[in-house]
Protein backbone atom coordinates (compact mmCIF):
# COMPACT_ATOMS: atom_id res chain seq x y z
CA UNK A 1 10.66 -21.44 10.47
CA UNK A 2 13.72 -20.28 8.57
CA UNK A 3 11.65 -20.66 5.28
CA UNK A 4 9.43 -17.81 6.67
CA UNK A 5 9.11 -14.98 4.20
CA UNK A 6 8.58 -11.40 5.27
CA UNK A 7 6.70 -9.34 2.82
CA UNK A 8 7.36 -5.64 2.32
CA UNK A 9 10.46 -5.02 4.30
CA UNK A 10 10.39 -1.52 2.95
CA UNK A 11 12.29 1.28 4.82
CA UNK A 12 11.60 4.74 3.54
CA UNK A 13 14.95 5.85 5.21
CA UNK A 14 17.76 6.63 2.98
CA UNK A 15 20.37 5.52 5.36
CA UNK A 16 18.88 2.07 5.32
CA UNK A 17 19.10 1.36 1.71
CA UNK A 18 21.88 1.47 -0.85
CA UNK A 19 21.39 4.78 -2.73
CA UNK A 20 21.67 4.86 -6.57
CA UNK A 21 22.47 7.86 -8.76
CA UNK A 22 19.90 7.58 -11.43
CA UNK A 23 16.86 5.61 -12.63
CA UNK A 24 17.70 2.71 -14.90
CA UNK A 25 15.22 3.49 -17.68
CA UNK A 26 14.31 0.56 -19.93
CA UNK A 27 12.98 0.36 -23.46
CA UNK A 28 9.45 -0.93 -23.79
CA UNK A 29 10.72 -4.14 -25.36
CA UNK A 30 13.14 -4.72 -22.49
CA UNK A 31 10.56 -4.03 -19.85
CA UNK A 32 7.96 -6.29 -21.54
CA UNK A 33 10.43 -9.11 -21.66
CA UNK A 34 11.51 -8.71 -18.03
CA UNK A 35 7.81 -8.56 -17.00
CA UNK A 36 7.04 -11.77 -18.61
CA UNK A 37 9.94 -13.37 -16.80
CA UNK A 38 9.30 -11.81 -13.42
CA UNK A 39 6.13 -9.68 -13.14
CA UNK A 40 6.34 -6.50 -11.18
CA UNK A 41 4.78 -3.13 -11.74
CA UNK A 42 5.87 -0.91 -14.61
CA UNK A 43 6.14 2.84 -14.37
CA UNK A 44 5.83 4.51 -17.70
CA UNK A 45 6.70 8.12 -18.25
CA UNK A 46 5.14 9.57 -21.35
CA UNK A 47 6.79 12.80 -22.33
CA UNK A 48 7.61 15.05 -25.28
CA UNK A 49 10.74 17.04 -26.13
CA UNK A 50 8.85 20.39 -25.82
CA UNK A 51 7.25 19.68 -22.45
CA UNK A 52 8.56 21.95 -19.78
CA UNK A 53 6.89 20.10 -16.87
CA UNK A 54 8.43 16.78 -18.21
CA UNK A 55 11.90 18.38 -17.96
CA UNK A 56 11.13 19.74 -14.53
CA UNK A 57 9.95 16.37 -13.24
CA UNK A 58 13.19 14.80 -14.63
CA UNK A 59 15.25 17.42 -12.69
CA UNK A 60 13.29 17.16 -9.43
CA UNK A 61 11.16 13.98 -8.77
CA UNK A 62 13.28 11.61 -10.78
CA UNK A 63 16.47 12.75 -9.13
CA UNK A 64 15.22 12.28 -5.54
CA UNK A 65 17.42 9.46 -3.97
CA UNK A 66 14.51 7.60 -2.43
CA UNK A 67 12.46 7.72 -5.58
CA UNK A 68 15.39 6.46 -7.65
CA UNK A 69 16.14 3.60 -5.30
CA UNK A 70 12.65 2.34 -5.03
CA UNK A 71 11.83 2.65 -8.65
CA UNK A 72 15.00 0.74 -9.62
CA UNK A 73 14.27 -1.99 -7.06
CA UNK A 74 10.50 -2.54 -7.28
CA UNK A 75 9.48 -1.43 -10.76
CA UNK A 76 10.34 -1.67 -14.40
CA UNK A 77 10.78 2.05 -15.44
CA UNK A 78 10.11 3.03 -19.10
CA UNK A 79 10.36 6.47 -20.83
CA UNK A 80 8.34 6.94 -24.02
CA UNK A 81 8.35 9.94 -26.19
CA UNK A 82 4.74 10.29 -27.18
CA UNK A 83 5.80 12.05 -30.43
CA UNK A 84 8.59 9.65 -31.14
CA UNK A 85 9.06 7.74 -34.36
CA UNK A 86 9.88 4.45 -32.95
CA UNK A 87 7.83 1.30 -33.42
CA UNK A 88 7.05 -0.16 -30.00
CA UNK A 89 6.06 -3.70 -28.94
CA UNK A 90 3.96 -4.39 -25.84
CA UNK A 91 1.92 -7.39 -24.82
CA UNK A 92 2.59 -9.13 -28.07
CA UNK A 93 1.25 -6.22 -30.06
CA UNK A 94 3.01 -3.80 -32.37
CA UNK A 95 2.54 -0.03 -32.03
CA UNK A 96 3.75 1.88 -35.08
CA UNK A 97 3.84 5.65 -35.00
CA UNK A 98 0.95 7.49 -36.65
CA UNK A 99 1.10 10.81 -38.46
CA UNK A 100 -0.95 13.81 -37.04
CA UNK A 101 -0.44 16.83 -39.17
CA UNK A 102 3.19 17.67 -39.11
CA UNK A 103 3.83 15.53 -35.96
CA UNK A 104 4.17 11.84 -35.27
CA UNK A 105 2.30 10.36 -32.39
CA UNK A 106 3.01 7.06 -30.55
CA UNK A 107 0.06 4.82 -31.05
CA UNK A 108 0.83 3.15 -27.73
CA UNK A 109 0.44 6.53 -26.07
CA UNK A 110 -2.89 7.11 -27.84
CA UNK A 111 -4.15 3.66 -26.67
CA UNK A 112 -2.88 3.83 -23.03
CA UNK A 113 -3.87 7.44 -22.53
CA UNK A 114 -7.16 6.83 -24.31
CA UNK A 115 -6.57 9.73 -26.64
CA UNK A 116 -6.14 12.22 -23.77
CA UNK A 117 -2.67 13.26 -24.66
CA UNK A 118 -1.20 15.63 -21.99
CA UNK A 119 2.29 15.65 -20.67
CA UNK A 120 3.78 14.47 -18.48
CA UNK A 121 1.59 11.51 -17.87
CA UNK A 122 2.78 8.70 -15.65
CA UNK A 123 1.13 5.29 -16.03
CA UNK A 124 1.47 2.59 -13.27
CA UNK A 125 0.80 -0.73 -14.98
CA UNK A 126 0.62 -4.25 -13.48
CA UNK A 127 -1.14 -6.57 -15.88
CA UNK A 128 -0.89 -9.63 -13.56
CA UNK A 129 -2.97 -7.67 -11.00
CA UNK A 130 -5.21 -5.99 -13.64
CA UNK A 131 -4.06 -2.49 -12.66
CA UNK A 132 -3.48 0.44 -14.99
CA UNK A 133 -3.46 3.84 -13.26
CA UNK A 134 -3.06 6.83 -15.70
CA UNK A 135 -1.87 9.93 -13.79
CA UNK A 136 -1.72 13.08 -15.90
CA UNK A 137 0.37 16.10 -14.80
CA UNK A 138 3.54 16.80 -12.73
CA UNK A 139 4.14 14.56 -9.73
CA UNK A 140 6.24 16.02 -6.94
CA UNK A 141 8.28 13.90 -4.72
CA UNK A 142 5.71 13.26 -1.97
CA UNK A 143 2.94 12.40 -4.54
CA UNK A 144 5.32 10.12 -6.40
CA UNK A 145 6.31 8.45 -3.14
CA UNK A 146 2.66 7.80 -2.38
CA UNK A 147 2.15 5.97 -5.64
CA UNK A 148 5.29 3.94 -5.18
CA UNK A 149 4.42 2.86 -1.66
CA UNK A 150 0.88 2.02 -2.80
CA UNK A 151 2.28 -0.72 -4.86
CA UNK A 152 5.41 -1.64 -2.93
CA UNK A 153 3.44 -2.19 0.32
CA UNK A 154 0.46 -3.91 -1.38
CA UNK A 155 -2.07 -1.26 -0.54
CA UNK A 156 -3.44 -1.60 -4.06
CA UNK A 157 -5.03 -4.96 -2.98
CA UNK A 158 -7.64 -3.34 -0.84
CA UNK A 159 -7.54 0.45 -0.85
CA UNK A 160 -8.68 3.07 -3.45
CA UNK A 161 -5.64 5.07 -4.68
CA UNK A 162 -7.24 8.38 -3.87
CA UNK A 163 -7.95 7.44 -0.31
CA UNK A 164 -4.39 6.18 0.06
CA UNK A 165 -2.71 9.22 -1.35
CA UNK A 166 -4.89 11.56 0.80
CA UNK A 167 -3.86 9.57 3.98
CA UNK A 168 -0.20 9.32 2.85
CA UNK A 169 -0.02 13.10 2.49
CA UNK A 170 -1.43 13.71 5.79
CA UNK A 171 1.33 11.75 7.37
CA UNK A 172 4.35 12.44 5.15
CA UNK A 173 3.98 15.95 3.65
CA UNK A 174 6.52 18.18 5.38
CA UNK A 175 4.92 20.73 7.59
CA UNK A 176 6.28 24.09 8.90
CA UNK A 177 4.85 23.34 12.28
CA UNK A 178 4.68 19.55 12.72
CA UNK A 179 1.49 18.28 14.42
CA UNK A 180 1.61 16.18 17.47
CA UNK A 181 0.82 12.50 16.42
CA UNK A 182 -2.71 11.52 17.44
CA UNK A 183 -2.72 8.95 20.18
CA UNK A 184 -4.92 5.99 20.41
CA UNK A 185 -6.33 5.56 23.92
CA UNK A 186 -8.26 2.34 23.53
CA UNK A 187 -5.49 -0.22 23.13
CA UNK A 188 -5.83 -3.16 25.47
CA UNK A 189 -2.63 -4.51 27.19
CA UNK A 190 -2.08 -8.24 26.48
CA UNK A 191 -1.89 -8.72 30.23
CA UNK A 192 -5.38 -7.31 30.73
CA UNK A 193 -7.11 -9.19 27.91
CA UNK A 194 -8.24 -12.28 29.80
CA UNK A 195 -9.65 -10.20 32.66
CA UNK A 196 -11.52 -7.84 30.32
CA UNK A 197 -13.00 -10.81 28.32
CA UNK A 198 -14.40 -12.18 31.59
CA UNK A 199 -15.99 -8.78 32.41
CA UNK A 200 -17.52 -8.06 28.94
CA UNK A 201 -17.22 -10.74 26.15
CA UNK A 202 -16.32 -8.62 23.08
CA UNK A 203 -14.54 -9.66 19.94
CA UNK A 204 -10.80 -9.20 19.70
CA UNK A 205 -8.97 -7.12 17.07
CA UNK A 206 -5.16 -7.62 16.82
CA UNK A 207 -3.24 -5.11 14.81
CA UNK A 208 0.26 -6.09 13.51
CA UNK A 209 2.51 -3.24 12.35
CA UNK A 210 6.15 -2.56 11.75
CA UNK A 211 8.06 0.58 12.72
CA UNK A 212 9.83 0.47 9.21
CA UNK A 213 6.59 0.15 7.25
CA UNK A 214 4.95 3.27 5.88
CA UNK A 215 1.43 1.87 5.72
CA UNK A 216 1.65 0.84 9.37
CA UNK A 217 2.57 4.54 10.28
CA UNK A 218 -0.40 5.74 8.26
CA UNK A 219 -2.87 3.40 10.06
CA UNK A 220 -1.40 4.38 13.47
CA UNK A 221 -1.69 8.10 12.75
CA UNK A 222 -4.79 8.36 10.52
CA UNK A 223 -7.03 5.25 10.70
CA UNK A 224 -7.00 4.06 14.32
CA UNK A 225 -7.40 7.66 15.76
CA UNK A 226 -10.33 8.46 13.48
CA UNK A 227 -13.43 9.18 15.57
CA UNK A 228 -15.83 6.87 13.76
CA UNK A 229 -13.26 4.03 13.57
CA UNK A 230 -12.34 4.54 17.22
CA UNK A 231 -16.06 4.56 18.35
CA UNK A 232 -16.75 1.29 16.64
CA UNK A 233 -13.44 -0.30 17.87
CA UNK A 234 -14.20 0.60 21.42
CA UNK A 235 -17.75 -0.51 21.40
CA UNK A 236 -17.29 -3.94 19.84
CA UNK A 237 -13.67 -5.04 20.22
CA UNK A 238 -10.78 -5.30 22.58
CA UNK A 239 -7.97 -3.89 20.45
CA UNK A 240 -4.43 -5.18 20.71
CA UNK A 241 -1.30 -3.74 18.93
CA UNK A 242 1.91 -5.58 18.29
CA UNK A 243 5.00 -4.55 16.42
CA UNK A 244 6.15 -7.61 14.48
CA UNK A 245 9.68 -7.21 15.89
CA UNK A 246 8.59 -6.44 19.50
CA UNK A 247 10.92 -7.83 22.20
CA UNK A 248 8.08 -8.38 24.82
CA UNK A 249 6.77 -11.82 25.78
CA UNK A 250 3.08 -11.89 25.63
CA UNK A 251 0.19 -14.25 26.47
CA UNK A 252 -2.51 -14.50 23.91
CA UNK A 253 -5.44 -17.05 23.84
CA UNK A 254 -3.61 -19.04 26.66
CA UNK A 255 -0.41 -19.33 24.76
CA UNK A 256 2.88 -17.56 25.47
CA UNK A 257 4.93 -15.94 22.60
CA UNK A 258 8.30 -14.10 22.48
CA UNK A 259 10.69 -12.68 20.01
CA UNK A 260 12.02 -15.48 17.67
CA UNK A 261 15.50 -14.02 17.41
CA UNK A 262 17.94 -13.23 14.60
CA UNK A 263 17.49 -16.60 12.87
CA UNK A 264 13.92 -15.41 12.13
CA UNK A 265 14.54 -11.86 11.29
CA UNK A 266 13.88 -10.86 14.89
CA UNK A 267 10.23 -11.42 14.31
CA UNK A 268 7.78 -12.03 17.18
CA UNK A 269 6.49 -15.55 17.45
CA UNK A 270 2.90 -14.32 17.66
CA UNK A 271 3.27 -12.58 14.27
CA UNK A 272 4.74 -15.73 12.85
CA UNK A 273 2.08 -17.95 14.30
CA UNK A 274 -0.68 -15.83 12.76
CA UNK A 275 0.97 -15.83 9.34
CA UNK A 276 0.79 -18.65 6.74
CA UNK A 277 4.54 -18.61 6.12
CA UNK A 278 4.25 -15.04 4.60
CA UNK A 279 3.94 -12.12 6.90
CA UNK A 280 2.08 -9.14 5.50
CA UNK A 281 2.21 -5.82 7.28
CA UNK A 282 0.16 -4.04 8.26
CA UNK A 283 -2.52 -6.59 8.99
CA UNK A 284 -5.53 -6.94 11.23
CA UNK A 285 -6.78 -10.21 12.72
CA UNK A 286 -10.18 -10.40 14.23
CA UNK A 287 -11.22 -13.12 16.63
CA UNK A 288 -14.75 -14.01 17.90
CA UNK A 289 -15.88 -14.23 21.52
CA UNK A 290 -14.41 -17.69 21.89
CA UNK A 291 -11.06 -16.92 20.38
CA UNK A 292 -11.70 -18.37 16.85
CA UNK A 293 -10.16 -16.42 13.99
CA UNK A 294 -12.90 -14.78 11.98
CA UNK A 295 -11.04 -12.51 9.54
CA UNK A 296 -7.66 -11.58 8.28
CA UNK A 297 -7.21 -8.16 6.67
CA UNK A 298 -3.88 -7.64 4.92
CA UNK A 299 -2.15 -4.46 4.02
CA UNK A 300 -3.36 -0.92 4.30
CA UNK A 301 -6.95 -0.49 5.47
CA UNK A 302 -8.41 2.98 4.92
CA UNK A 303 -10.90 4.65 7.26
CA UNK A 304 -13.94 4.26 5.03
CA UNK A 305 -13.51 0.55 4.35
CA UNK A 306 -12.28 0.03 7.96
CA UNK A 307 -15.37 1.62 9.40
CA UNK A 308 -17.59 -0.73 7.34
CA UNK A 309 -15.67 -3.83 8.33
CA UNK A 310 -15.82 -2.98 11.98
CA UNK A 311 -19.59 -2.20 11.78
CA UNK A 312 -20.29 -5.37 9.67
CA UNK A 313 -18.40 -7.72 12.06
CA UNK A 314 -19.00 -5.91 15.30
CA UNK A 315 -22.80 -5.71 14.98
CA UNK A 316 -22.99 -9.31 13.86
CA UNK A 317 -24.46 -8.25 10.57
CA UNK A 318 -22.34 -10.97 8.86
CA UNK A 319 -24.62 -13.55 10.39
CA UNK A 320 -27.60 -12.39 8.28
CA UNK A 321 -26.20 -10.51 5.31
CA UNK A 322 -23.38 -11.11 2.76
CA UNK A 323 -20.48 -8.57 2.65
CA UNK A 324 -21.44 -7.68 -0.94
CA UNK A 325 -25.05 -6.84 -0.02
CA UNK A 326 -23.89 -4.88 3.01
CA UNK A 327 -21.47 -2.88 0.97
CA UNK A 328 -24.28 -1.98 -1.51
CA UNK A 329 -26.49 -0.68 1.36
CA UNK A 330 -23.73 1.41 2.82
CA UNK A 331 -22.68 2.87 -0.53
CA UNK A 332 -26.29 3.89 -1.11
CA UNK A 333 -26.25 5.54 2.32
CA UNK A 334 -23.14 7.33 1.14
CA UNK A 335 -20.69 5.84 3.56
């Protein structure tokens, strides 16, 4: 059990991480070499010397302590002058500068930005995961945090970036008058599950979250309270919620589970039991009427995709139709 790996121990709280003073920008050659040795996302800042918004982003977003810390820890950051005269090397290819009137242009910038040269433009690149997000324009701190968390907490594996950013901003954008968090009224207590299953034999949905995980907070405040999601969840499932470091002893599917203690990162035994040596949060586990595990859904689940999954499994459509065919139908319906 000590070999257990916890994925995305990410705390967006400055007091919980060692703060750094500045971003450790790399050259393209340095980042490319490091990526080949240990793949993790690159963040590439395309700028020019005359670009006012580039300078403003340097003074604001890139000086934010949280942004600095997480870029340095989880990304390979690269700055590229799109009008520079340097020859760059990336993915075993040489990019020489090209003349454009009286200016020189980076051929790498031309290729990556697909000829749409506006500045600043931030590129999030992760070749191993086949991801290349090109984001033109100034990114304030909250918007940058959203992109960083999208990668750090694995949301890119199942959620569209636009849906994720919209939900992130709902939860984390500072408000003059903070809204009361929406409450979820349909959680089932572990103690009541067996009794409820005897009364009405529904499927079981178990949501694993972590108090230090941003995507968990987003699902708690945006996804589970959503009216469509809630209606589907209440109709077809008994929904359980467990923090992966909960102290409670719970009974689930006739087995008792408690907190595993400091030797196991204070993780709950049920969270460990459901994981295949790697705990991913947030995550959803769906069980059928007989307690058999049907589906694991890792990382952030947005409302649109969540509604489709609950409908697909809850209505037993999975018995007669593939997920791919189901998605095609729902997309034609505009869901």
